[in-house]
Amino acid sequence: MRYNIFDKFKYVSVEGNIGAGKTSLTKIISKKYNIKGLFENYIDNPYLKSFYKNPKKYSYDVETYFLNERIKSLQDSMLDKNQAIVADYSLYKSLIFSKQNLNSSDFKKYNLEYEKGLSLIKQPNLIIYLNAPTWFLLDRIKKRGRVFERNISEGYLKTIEKGYKGFFNKKNSFKVLFYDIIDKDFIKNDFDLNHLLKKVYNL
């Protein structure tokens, strides 16, 4: 059976910690259903490499750049109101990361821009949260070999995970599916992919 999750959810965001496989799954879903995929272009962020070397100095710059790019991309996606969308991020990601990375005064400024941006975009109908232990994510990060990610620690991943879980466990206007990925391979195994899609369809 082909579970068309977009019969139920027009706008789906794939979320998860660093290294969870958000982009890979989003590409697969976008191709399978022939719908628009939104992908975060982290490579173009001019502050990202510097941030991983000196987080305190560059945290505000890196988070502000990401926030503005996410808002613009999500606003553009609203031009066709009937179009189904799957994205490898949500704007909530901006709030979660900035809370961990910014000091209190910078976060206060940042949050004003975040709330303004949130009012300008539509909210996802569903968040698929790819859940995995931090040691598993750290291993994936090392294997993909992005030089600027080599200083990411397990402690940092745990902090981000705590932020995500704290946010998505609250009552929200959208549905959240927490899906464990430690023994799943959506690229090589159609059974794993269909298992996820069935769970989404039956929500």
N, C-alpha and C. Protein backbone atom coordinates (compact mmCIF):
# COMPACT_ATOMS: atom_id res chain seq x y z
N MET A 1 0.85 -1.20 0.00
CA MET A 1 0.00 0.00 0.00
C MET A 1 0.88 1.25 0.00
N ARG A 2 0.51 2.22 -0.80
CA ARG A 2 1.27 3.47 -0.88
C ARG A 2 0.61 4.50 0.02
N TYR A 3 1.26 4.81 1.12
CA TYR A 3 0.70 5.74 2.09
C TYR A 3 1.03 7.18 1.66
N ASN A 4 0.01 7.88 1.17
CA ASN A 4 0.24 9.27 0.78
C ASN A 4 0.00 10.17 1.97
N ILE A 5 1.06 10.48 2.67
CA ILE A 5 0.94 11.26 3.89
C ILE A 5 0.45 12.68 3.61
N PHE A 6 0.57 13.14 2.36
CA PHE A 6 0.16 14.50 2.04
C PHE A 6 -1.34 14.60 1.76
N ASP A 7 -2.04 13.47 1.81
CA ASP A 7 -3.49 13.51 1.84
C ASP A 7 -3.97 14.06 3.19
N LYS A 8 -3.13 13.89 4.21
CA LYS A 8 -3.50 14.30 5.57
C LYS A 8 -2.74 15.54 6.03
N PHE A 9 -1.49 15.67 5.58
CA PHE A 9 -0.64 16.77 6.05
C PHE A 9 -0.03 17.49 4.85
N LYS A 10 -0.44 18.73 4.64
CA LYS A 10 0.05 19.49 3.48
C LYS A 10 1.48 19.98 3.67
N TYR A 11 1.84 20.23 4.91
CA TYR A 11 3.16 20.82 5.19
C TYR A 11 3.82 20.01 6.30
N VAL A 12 4.87 19.29 5.94
CA VAL A 12 5.58 18.41 6.88
C VAL A 12 7.01 18.90 7.05
N SER A 13 7.45 19.00 8.30
CA SER A 13 8.85 19.34 8.58
C SER A 13 9.55 18.13 9.21
N VAL A 14 10.75 17.84 8.74
CA VAL A 14 11.57 16.79 9.32
C VAL A 14 12.57 17.46 10.25
N GLU A 15 12.54 17.10 11.52
CA GLU A 15 13.43 17.71 12.50
C GLU A 15 14.26 16.64 13.21
N GLY A 16 15.25 17.11 13.95
CA GLY A 16 16.12 16.21 14.70
C GLY A 16 17.45 16.88 14.97
N ASN A 17 18.24 16.24 15.77
CA ASN A 17 19.54 16.78 16.15
C ASN A 17 20.49 16.76 14.96
N ILE A 18 21.67 17.34 15.14
CA ILE A 18 22.70 17.34 14.10
C ILE A 18 23.08 15.89 13.78
N GLY A 19 23.08 15.54 12.50
CA GLY A 19 23.47 14.20 12.09
C GLY A 19 22.36 13.18 12.06
N ALA A 20 21.12 13.61 12.29
CA ALA A 20 20.00 12.65 12.36
C ALA A 20 19.54 12.16 10.98
N GLY A 21 19.92 12.87 9.93
CA GLY A 21 19.51 12.46 8.58
C GLY A 21 18.29 13.17 8.06
N LYS A 22 18.09 14.40 8.51
CA LYS A 22 16.92 15.19 8.11
C LYS A 22 16.87 15.43 6.60
N THR A 23 17.99 15.85 6.06
CA THR A 23 18.03 16.18 4.63
C THR A 23 17.83 14.95 3.77
N SER A 24 18.46 13.84 4.12
CA SER A 24 18.32 12.60 3.35
C SER A 24 16.87 12.16 3.30
N LEU A 25 16.21 12.14 4.45
CA LEU A 25 14.81 11.70 4.48
C LEU A 25 13.91 12.68 3.72
N THR A 26 14.17 13.97 3.85
CA THR A 26 13.37 14.96 3.13
C THR A 26 13.49 14.78 1.63
N LYS A 27 14.69 14.51 1.15
CA LYS A 27 14.90 14.27 -0.29
C LYS A 27 14.13 13.05 -0.76
N ILE A 28 14.16 12.00 0.04
CA ILE A 28 13.47 10.76 -0.31
C ILE A 28 11.96 10.99 -0.39
N ILE A 29 11.41 11.67 0.61
CA ILE A 29 9.96 11.94 0.63
C ILE A 29 9.56 12.85 -0.52
N SER A 30 10.36 13.89 -0.75
CA SER A 30 10.08 14.82 -1.84
C SER A 30 10.03 14.11 -3.19
N LYS A 31 10.99 13.23 -3.41
CA LYS A 31 11.05 12.48 -4.68
C LYS A 31 9.92 11.46 -4.78
N LYS A 32 9.64 10.77 -3.70
CA LYS A 32 8.62 9.71 -3.70
C LYS A 32 7.24 10.26 -4.06
N TYR A 33 6.91 11.43 -3.52
CA TYR A 33 5.58 12.00 -3.74
C TYR A 33 5.58 13.12 -4.78
N ASN A 34 6.75 13.40 -5.34
CA ASN A 34 6.89 14.43 -6.37
C ASN A 34 6.34 15.77 -5.88
N ILE A 35 6.81 16.17 -4.70
CA ILE A 35 6.37 17.44 -4.14
C ILE A 35 7.59 18.33 -3.85
N LYS A 36 7.32 19.57 -3.53
CA LYS A 36 8.39 20.54 -3.28
C LYS A 36 9.12 20.21 -1.98
N GLY A 37 10.44 20.19 -2.04
CA GLY A 37 11.26 20.02 -0.86
C GLY A 37 12.00 21.31 -0.54
N LEU A 38 12.01 21.68 0.73
CA LEU A 38 12.77 22.85 1.18
C LEU A 38 13.99 22.36 1.95
N PHE A 39 15.16 22.87 1.60
CA PHE A 39 16.40 22.38 2.20
C PHE A 39 17.24 23.55 2.71
N GLU A 40 17.72 23.38 3.92
CA GLU A 40 18.55 24.42 4.52
C GLU A 40 19.92 24.43 3.87
N ASN A 41 20.34 25.61 3.43
CA ASN A 41 21.63 25.74 2.77
C ASN A 41 22.68 26.23 3.77
N TYR A 42 23.15 25.30 4.59
CA TYR A 42 24.10 25.66 5.64
C TYR A 42 25.45 26.12 5.08
N ILE A 43 25.78 25.66 3.88
CA ILE A 43 27.08 25.97 3.27
C ILE A 43 27.24 27.48 3.05
N ASP A 44 26.15 28.15 2.74
CA ASP A 44 26.22 29.58 2.44
C ASP A 44 26.29 30.47 3.68
N ASN A 45 26.11 29.87 4.86
CA ASN A 45 26.20 30.68 6.08
C ASN A 45 27.67 31.05 6.32
N PRO A 46 28.02 32.34 6.15
CA PRO A 46 29.43 32.75 6.23
C PRO A 46 30.03 32.67 7.63
N TYR A 47 29.17 32.45 8.64
CA TYR A 47 29.66 32.44 10.03
C TYR A 47 29.77 31.05 10.64
N LEU A 48 29.31 30.03 9.91
CA LEU A 48 29.19 28.70 10.52
C LEU A 48 30.54 28.11 10.92
N LYS A 49 31.50 28.15 10.02
CA LYS A 49 32.82 27.59 10.34
C LYS A 49 33.46 28.32 11.51
N SER A 50 33.32 29.64 11.52
CA SER A 50 33.89 30.43 12.62
C SER A 50 33.18 30.13 13.94
N PHE A 51 31.87 29.88 13.85
CA PHE A 51 31.10 29.57 15.04
C PHE A 51 31.62 28.32 15.74
N TYR A 52 31.89 27.28 14.97
CA TYR A 52 32.36 26.04 15.58
C TYR A 52 33.75 26.19 16.20
N LYS A 53 34.52 27.17 15.70
CA LYS A 53 35.84 27.44 16.29
C LYS A 53 35.73 28.34 17.51
N ASN A 54 34.80 29.30 17.46
CA ASN A 54 34.65 30.28 18.55
C ASN A 54 33.16 30.59 18.75
N PRO A 55 32.44 29.68 19.42
CA PRO A 55 30.98 29.83 19.56
C PRO A 55 30.54 31.13 20.21
N LYS A 56 31.23 31.57 21.25
CA LYS A 56 30.81 32.78 21.96
C LYS A 56 30.84 34.01 21.06
N LYS A 57 31.87 34.10 20.23
CA LYS A 57 32.05 35.28 19.38
C LYS A 57 31.05 35.31 18.22
N TYR A 58 30.75 34.15 17.65
CA TYR A 58 29.99 34.13 16.41
C TYR A 58 28.56 33.59 16.54
N SER A 59 28.13 33.27 17.75
CA SER A 59 26.81 32.65 17.91
C SER A 59 25.67 33.54 17.42
N TYR A 60 25.72 34.83 17.75
CA TYR A 60 24.64 35.73 17.33
C TYR A 60 24.59 35.86 15.81
N ASP A 61 25.76 36.00 15.19
CA ASP A 61 25.83 36.14 13.73
C ASP A 61 25.31 34.89 13.03
N VAL A 62 25.75 33.73 13.49
CA VAL A 62 25.36 32.49 12.82
C VAL A 62 23.86 32.23 12.98
N GLU A 63 23.32 32.50 14.16
CA GLU A 63 21.90 32.25 14.40
C GLU A 63 21.01 33.26 13.66
N THR A 64 21.44 34.50 13.60
CA THR A 64 20.66 35.53 12.90
C THR A 64 20.62 35.25 11.40
N TYR A 65 21.74 34.82 10.85
CA TYR A 65 21.78 34.50 9.42
C TYR A 65 20.82 33.35 9.13
N PHE A 66 20.90 32.28 9.92
CA PHE A 66 20.01 31.14 9.72
C PHE A 66 18.54 31.56 9.84
N LEU A 67 18.24 32.37 10.84
CA LEU A 67 16.86 32.80 11.06
C LEU A 67 16.31 33.53 9.83
N ASN A 68 17.07 34.50 9.33
CA ASN A 68 16.61 35.28 8.18
C ASN A 68 16.44 34.43 6.94
N GLU A 69 17.35 33.49 6.72
CA GLU A 69 17.25 32.60 5.56
C GLU A 69 16.05 31.67 5.68
N ARG A 70 15.79 31.16 6.87
CA ARG A 70 14.63 30.27 7.07
C ARG A 70 13.33 31.03 6.84
N ILE A 71 13.24 32.23 7.37
CA ILE A 71 12.02 33.02 7.19
C ILE A 71 11.77 33.29 5.70
N LYS A 72 12.80 33.71 5.00
CA LYS A 72 12.67 34.02 3.57
C LYS A 72 12.23 32.78 2.78
N SER A 73 12.87 31.66 3.03
CA SER A 73 12.55 30.43 2.31
C SER A 73 11.12 29.98 2.58
N LEU A 74 10.70 30.06 3.85
CA LEU A 74 9.35 29.63 4.20
C LEU A 74 8.30 30.60 3.68
N GLN A 75 8.62 31.88 3.62
CA GLN A 75 7.69 32.85 3.03
C GLN A 75 7.51 32.57 1.53
N ASP A 76 8.61 32.30 0.85
CA ASP A 76 8.55 32.00 -0.58
C ASP A 76 7.70 30.76 -0.85
N SER A 77 7.77 29.79 0.06
CA SER A 77 7.02 28.55 -0.12
C SER A 77 5.52 28.75 0.02
N MET A 78 5.10 29.89 0.58
CA MET A 78 3.68 30.18 0.81
C MET A 78 3.01 30.78 -0.42
N LEU A 79 3.78 31.08 -1.46
CA LEU A 79 3.21 31.76 -2.63
C LEU A 79 2.14 30.90 -3.30
N ASP A 80 2.36 29.58 -3.35
CA ASP A 80 1.35 28.67 -3.87
C ASP A 80 0.70 27.97 -2.68
N LYS A 81 -0.48 28.43 -2.30
CA LYS A 81 -1.13 27.95 -1.08
C LYS A 81 -1.59 26.50 -1.16
N ASN A 82 -1.74 25.97 -2.38
CA ASN A 82 -2.21 24.60 -2.55
C ASN A 82 -1.08 23.59 -2.67
N GLN A 83 0.14 24.08 -2.62
CA GLN A 83 1.30 23.22 -2.83
C GLN A 83 1.68 22.47 -1.56
N ALA A 84 1.85 21.16 -1.68
CA ALA A 84 2.34 20.36 -0.55
C ALA A 84 3.83 20.57 -0.40
N ILE A 85 4.31 20.56 0.84
CA ILE A 85 5.71 20.87 1.12
C ILE A 85 6.27 19.91 2.15
N VAL A 86 7.53 19.50 1.96
CA VAL A 86 8.29 18.82 3.00
C VAL A 86 9.60 19.59 3.16
N ALA A 87 9.97 19.89 4.40
CA ALA A 87 11.17 20.69 4.66
C ALA A 87 12.08 19.97 5.64
N ASP A 88 13.39 20.16 5.48
CA ASP A 88 14.34 19.50 6.39
C ASP A 88 14.66 20.38 7.61
N TYR A 89 13.76 21.31 7.91
CA TYR A 89 13.90 22.17 9.08
C TYR A 89 12.54 22.80 9.36
N SER A 90 12.40 23.40 10.51
CA SER A 90 11.26 24.26 10.83
C SER A 90 11.82 25.53 11.45
N LEU A 91 11.01 26.56 11.52
CA LEU A 91 11.50 27.80 12.13
C LEU A 91 11.75 27.62 13.63
N TYR A 92 11.08 26.64 14.23
CA TYR A 92 11.28 26.37 15.65
C TYR A 92 12.74 26.01 15.94
N LYS A 93 13.41 25.48 14.94
CA LYS A 93 14.83 25.15 15.08
C LYS A 93 15.63 26.39 15.49
N SER A 94 15.25 27.54 14.96
CA SER A 94 15.94 28.78 15.29
C SER A 94 15.84 29.08 16.78
N LEU A 95 14.66 28.89 17.33
CA LEU A 95 14.45 29.15 18.76
C LEU A 95 15.26 28.18 19.61
N ILE A 96 15.23 26.91 19.23
CA ILE A 96 15.90 25.87 20.01
C ILE A 96 17.41 26.07 20.05
N PHE A 97 18.02 26.31 18.89
CA PHE A 97 19.47 26.49 18.85
C PHE A 97 19.90 27.80 19.49
N SER A 98 19.13 28.87 19.26
CA SER A 98 19.52 30.16 19.82
C SER A 98 19.45 30.15 21.34
N LYS A 99 18.49 29.44 21.90
CA LYS A 99 18.39 29.34 23.36
C LYS A 99 19.63 28.69 23.96
N GLN A 100 20.22 27.76 23.23
CA GLN A 100 21.41 27.08 23.73
C GLN A 100 22.69 27.89 23.48
N ASN A 101 22.69 28.65 22.38
CA ASN A 101 23.94 29.27 21.92
C ASN A 101 24.13 30.73 22.29
N LEU A 102 23.03 31.44 22.59
CA LEU A 102 23.13 32.89 22.83
C LEU A 102 23.11 33.21 24.32
N ASN A 103 23.79 34.30 24.67
CA ASN A 103 23.66 34.79 26.05
C ASN A 103 22.31 35.47 26.21
N SER A 104 21.93 35.79 27.42
CA SER A 104 20.57 36.28 27.70
C SER A 104 20.23 37.57 26.98
N SER A 105 21.17 38.51 26.90
CA SER A 105 20.87 39.79 26.24
C SER A 105 20.73 39.62 24.73
N ASP A 106 21.60 38.80 24.14
CA ASP A 106 21.50 38.55 22.70
C ASP A 106 20.22 37.77 22.38
N PHE A 107 19.87 36.83 23.24
CA PHE A 107 18.67 36.04 23.00
C PHE A 107 17.42 36.92 23.05
N LYS A 108 17.41 37.90 23.92
CA LYS A 108 16.26 38.80 24.04
C LYS A 108 16.05 39.55 22.73
N LYS A 109 17.14 40.04 22.13
CA LYS A 109 17.05 40.73 20.83
C LYS A 109 16.62 39.74 19.74
N TYR A 110 17.24 38.61 19.77
CA TYR A 110 16.99 37.59 18.75
C TYR A 110 15.54 37.12 18.78
N ASN A 111 15.01 36.94 19.97
CA ASN A 111 13.66 36.41 20.12
C ASN A 111 12.60 37.34 19.53
N LEU A 112 12.86 38.64 19.57
CA LEU A 112 11.95 39.60 18.95
C LEU A 112 11.85 39.36 17.45
N GLU A 113 13.01 39.11 16.83
CA GLU A 113 13.04 38.85 15.39
C GLU A 113 12.40 37.49 15.08
N TYR A 114 12.63 36.54 15.96
CA TYR A 114 12.05 35.21 15.77
C TYR A 114 10.52 35.28 15.82
N GLU A 115 9.98 35.96 16.81
CA GLU A 115 8.52 36.07 16.95
C GLU A 115 7.92 36.82 15.76
N LYS A 116 8.62 37.83 15.29
CA LYS A 116 8.16 38.57 14.11
C LYS A 116 8.12 37.64 12.90
N GLY A 117 9.19 36.86 12.72
CA GLY A 117 9.26 35.93 11.59
C GLY A 117 8.19 34.86 11.68
N LEU A 118 7.94 34.37 12.88
CA LEU A 118 6.95 33.32 13.09
C LEU A 118 5.56 33.78 12.67
N SER A 119 5.29 35.06 12.84
CA SER A 119 3.98 35.60 12.49
C SER A 119 3.80 35.74 10.97
N LEU A 120 4.90 35.64 10.23
CA LEU A 120 4.84 35.86 8.78
C LEU A 120 4.74 34.57 7.97
N ILE A 121 4.86 33.43 8.62
CA ILE A 121 4.88 32.16 7.89
C ILE A 121 3.78 31.23 8.40
N LYS A 122 3.48 30.22 7.60
CA LYS A 122 2.52 29.22 8.06
C LYS A 122 3.26 28.16 8.87
N GLN A 123 2.54 27.54 9.76
CA GLN A 123 3.12 26.52 10.63
C GLN A 123 2.97 25.14 10.00
N PRO A 124 3.90 24.24 10.24
CA PRO A 124 3.75 22.88 9.70
C PRO A 124 2.56 22.16 10.34
N ASN A 125 1.97 21.24 9.58
CA ASN A 125 0.90 20.40 10.13
C ASN A 125 1.48 19.27 10.96
N LEU A 126 2.71 18.86 10.59
CA LEU A 126 3.34 17.73 11.25
C LEU A 126 4.85 17.93 11.33
N ILE A 127 5.43 17.59 12.48
CA ILE A 127 6.88 17.50 12.64
C ILE A 127 7.24 16.02 12.80
N ILE A 128 8.10 15.52 11.93
CA ILE A 128 8.68 14.18 12.12
C ILE A 128 10.02 14.39 12.80
N TYR A 129 10.14 13.98 14.05
CA TYR A 129 11.38 14.16 14.80
C TYR A 129 12.18 12.86 14.77
N LEU A 130 13.34 12.90 14.13
CA LEU A 130 14.21 11.73 14.03
C LEU A 130 15.02 11.61 15.31
N ASN A 131 14.72 10.59 16.06
CA ASN A 131 15.26 10.43 17.41
C ASN A 131 16.40 9.42 17.43
N ALA A 132 17.51 9.78 18.07
CA ALA A 132 18.66 8.88 18.16
C ALA A 132 19.53 9.30 19.34
N PRO A 133 20.24 8.35 19.96
CA PRO A 133 21.17 8.71 21.05
C PRO A 133 22.32 9.53 20.51
N THR A 134 22.89 10.36 21.38
CA THR A 134 23.93 11.29 20.94
C THR A 134 25.20 10.59 20.46
N TRP A 135 25.54 9.43 21.04
CA TRP A 135 26.74 8.71 20.59
C TRP A 135 26.57 8.25 19.14
N PHE A 136 25.36 7.88 18.77
CA PHE A 136 25.04 7.45 17.41
C PHE A 136 25.18 8.63 16.44
N LEU A 137 24.67 9.79 16.84
CA LEU A 137 24.76 10.99 16.02
C LEU A 137 26.21 11.43 15.84
N LEU A 138 26.97 11.36 16.93
CA LEU A 138 28.37 11.77 16.88
C LEU A 138 29.15 10.89 15.90
N ASP A 139 28.85 9.61 15.88
CA ASP A 139 29.49 8.68 14.95
C ASP A 139 29.14 9.05 13.50
N ARG A 140 27.89 9.38 13.26
CA ARG A 140 27.47 9.80 11.92
C ARG A 140 28.17 11.09 11.48
N ILE A 141 28.27 12.03 12.40
CA ILE A 141 28.91 13.31 12.10
C ILE A 141 30.37 13.09 11.71
N LYS A 142 31.04 12.22 12.43
CA LYS A 142 32.44 11.92 12.12
C LYS A 142 32.58 11.25 10.77
N LYS A 143 31.66 10.35 10.45
CA LYS A 143 31.72 9.61 9.18
C LYS A 143 31.48 10.51 7.98
N ARG A 144 30.61 11.53 8.13
CA ARG A 144 30.36 12.38 6.96
C ARG A 144 31.48 13.39 6.75
N GLY A 145 32.32 13.60 7.74
CA GLY A 145 33.60 14.26 7.55
C GLY A 145 33.58 15.73 7.18
N ARG A 146 32.61 16.48 7.64
CA ARG A 146 32.65 17.93 7.41
C ARG A 146 33.65 18.53 8.38
N VAL A 147 34.65 19.18 7.83
CA VAL A 147 35.78 19.66 8.64
C VAL A 147 35.31 20.58 9.76
N PHE A 148 34.37 21.47 9.46
CA PHE A 148 33.95 22.45 10.46
C PHE A 148 33.12 21.82 11.59
N GLU A 149 32.71 20.56 11.42
CA GLU A 149 31.93 19.90 12.46
C GLU A 149 32.79 19.05 13.41
N ARG A 150 34.08 19.03 13.19
CA ARG A 150 34.94 18.10 13.94
C ARG A 150 34.99 18.41 15.44
N ASN A 151 34.65 19.66 15.80
CA ASN A 151 34.70 20.02 17.23
C ASN A 151 33.37 19.84 17.96
N ILE A 152 32.36 19.34 17.25
CA ILE A 152 31.07 19.10 17.92
C ILE A 152 31.25 18.00 18.97
N SER A 153 30.81 18.29 20.18
CA SER A 153 30.97 17.33 21.28
C SER A 153 29.65 16.63 21.58
N GLU A 154 29.75 15.51 22.26
CA GLU A 154 28.54 14.80 22.68
C GLU A 154 27.74 15.66 23.66
N GLY A 155 28.45 16.44 24.47
CA GLY A 155 27.78 17.33 25.41
C GLY A 155 26.93 18.37 24.70
N TYR A 156 27.44 18.93 23.61
CA TYR A 156 26.68 19.91 22.83
C TYR A 156 25.44 19.27 22.22
N LEU A 157 25.59 18.05 21.69
CA LEU A 157 24.45 17.34 21.10
C LEU A 157 23.39 17.06 22.16
N LYS A 158 23.81 16.72 23.36
CA LYS A 158 22.86 16.46 24.44
C LYS A 158 22.09 17.73 24.81
N THR A 159 22.78 18.86 24.77
CA THR A 159 22.13 20.14 25.07
C THR A 159 21.08 20.47 24.02
N ILE A 160 21.42 20.26 22.75
CA ILE A 160 20.47 20.51 21.66
C ILE A 160 19.28 19.55 21.75
N GLU A 161 19.57 18.29 22.04
CA GLU A 161 18.49 17.30 22.18
C GLU A 161 17.52 17.71 23.29
N LYS A 162 18.06 18.15 24.40
CA LYS A 162 17.22 18.60 25.52
C LYS A 162 16.32 19.75 25.11
N GLY A 163 16.88 20.67 24.32
CA GLY A 163 16.11 21.81 23.83
C GLY A 163 14.97 21.38 22.93
N TYR A 164 15.27 20.46 22.00
CA TYR A 164 14.24 19.94 21.09
C TYR A 164 13.13 19.24 21.87
N LYS A 165 13.52 18.32 22.75
CA LYS A 165 12.52 17.52 23.47
C LYS A 165 11.66 18.43 24.36
N GLY A 166 12.29 19.40 25.00
CA GLY A 166 11.55 20.31 25.85
C GLY A 166 10.51 21.09 25.07
N PHE A 167 10.86 21.48 23.84
CA PHE A 167 9.95 22.26 23.01
C PHE A 167 8.83 21.39 22.42
N PHE A 168 9.20 20.26 21.84
CA PHE A 168 8.21 19.44 21.13
C PHE A 168 7.34 18.59 22.05
N ASN A 169 7.73 18.45 23.30
CA ASN A 169 6.89 17.73 24.26
C ASN A 169 5.78 18.60 24.83
N LYS A 170 5.84 19.90 24.55
CA LYS A 170 4.79 20.81 24.99
C LYS A 170 3.57 20.65 24.07
N LYS A 171 2.46 21.19 24.51
CA LYS A 171 1.26 21.18 23.68
C LYS A 171 1.44 22.19 22.56
N ASN A 172 1.33 21.73 21.32
CA ASN A 172 1.51 22.60 20.16
C ASN A 172 0.31 22.48 19.22
N SER A 173 0.21 23.40 18.29
CA SER A 173 -0.89 23.37 17.33
C SER A 173 -0.66 22.32 16.24
N PHE A 174 0.56 21.81 16.13
CA PHE A 174 0.90 20.80 15.13
C PHE A 174 1.16 19.46 15.82
N LYS A 175 1.10 18.39 15.03
CA LYS A 175 1.39 17.07 15.56
C LYS A 175 2.89 16.81 15.49
N VAL A 176 3.39 16.00 16.43
CA VAL A 176 4.80 15.61 16.44
C VAL A 176 4.89 14.09 16.52
N LEU A 177 5.65 13.51 15.60
CA LEU A 177 5.92 12.08 15.64
C LEU A 177 7.40 11.88 15.99
N PHE A 178 7.68 11.33 17.16
CA PHE A 178 9.05 10.97 17.54
C PHE A 178 9.34 9.58 16.97
N TYR A 179 10.35 9.49 16.13
CA TYR A 179 10.62 8.23 15.44
C TYR A 179 12.08 7.83 15.64
N ASP A 180 12.30 6.67 16.25
CA ASP A 180 13.66 6.19 16.52
C ASP A 180 14.32 5.69 15.24
N ILE A 181 15.54 6.14 14.99
CA ILE A 181 16.20 5.83 13.71
C ILE A 181 17.45 4.96 13.86
N ILE A 182 17.77 4.54 15.08
CA ILE A 182 19.05 3.88 15.31
C ILE A 182 19.22 2.60 14.48
N ASP A 183 18.11 1.90 14.20
CA ASP A 183 18.20 0.67 13.41
C ASP A 183 17.50 0.81 12.07
N LYS A 184 17.36 2.05 11.57
CA LYS A 184 16.64 2.31 10.33
C LYS A 184 17.58 2.84 9.25
N ASP A 185 17.27 2.49 8.01
CA ASP A 185 18.02 2.99 6.86
C ASP A 185 17.02 3.32 5.75
N PHE A 186 16.62 4.58 5.68
CA PHE A 186 15.59 4.98 4.72
C PHE A 186 16.11 4.98 3.28
N ILE A 187 17.42 5.08 3.10
CA ILE A 187 18.00 5.13 1.76
C ILE A 187 18.04 3.73 1.13
N LYS A 188 18.48 2.73 1.89
CA LYS A 188 18.68 1.39 1.34
C LYS A 188 17.52 0.43 1.58
N ASN A 189 16.63 0.78 2.50
CA ASN A 189 15.60 -0.16 2.91
C ASN A 189 14.20 0.44 2.77
N ASP A 190 13.46 0.01 1.74
CA ASP A 190 12.10 0.51 1.52
C ASP A 190 11.17 0.12 2.66
N PHE A 191 11.44 -1.01 3.30
CA PHE A 191 10.60 -1.45 4.41
C PHE A 191 10.65 -0.43 5.54
N ASP A 192 11.85 0.07 5.85
CA ASP A 192 11.99 1.07 6.91
C ASP A 192 11.25 2.35 6.55
N LEU A 193 11.39 2.78 5.30
CA LEU A 193 10.71 3.99 4.85
C LEU A 193 9.19 3.82 4.94
N ASN A 194 8.68 2.70 4.45
CA ASN A 194 7.24 2.47 4.48
C ASN A 194 6.70 2.34 5.90
N HIS A 195 7.53 1.83 6.80
CA HIS A 195 7.13 1.73 8.21
C HIS A 195 6.90 3.13 8.79
N LEU A 196 7.81 4.04 8.48
CA LEU A 196 7.66 5.42 8.93
C LEU A 196 6.43 6.07 8.30
N LEU A 197 6.27 5.93 7.00
CA LEU A 197 5.16 6.57 6.30
C LEU A 197 3.82 6.03 6.78
N LYS A 198 3.77 4.76 7.09
CA LYS A 198 2.53 4.17 7.63
C LYS A 198 2.19 4.79 8.98
N LYS A 199 3.23 4.97 9.82
CA LYS A 199 3.00 5.59 11.13
C LYS A 199 2.47 7.02 10.97
N VAL A 200 3.04 7.75 10.03
CA VAL A 200 2.59 9.12 9.77
C VAL A 200 1.14 9.11 9.28
N TYR A 201 0.86 8.23 8.34
CA TYR A 201 -0.48 8.17 7.74
C TYR A 201 -1.56 7.83 8.76
N ASN A 202 -1.18 7.03 9.74
CA ASN A 202 -2.15 6.57 10.74
C ASN A 202 -2.27 7.49 11.96
N LEU A 203 -1.56 8.60 11.95
CA LEU A 203 -1.65 9.54 13.07
C LEU A 203 -3.07 10.10 13.20
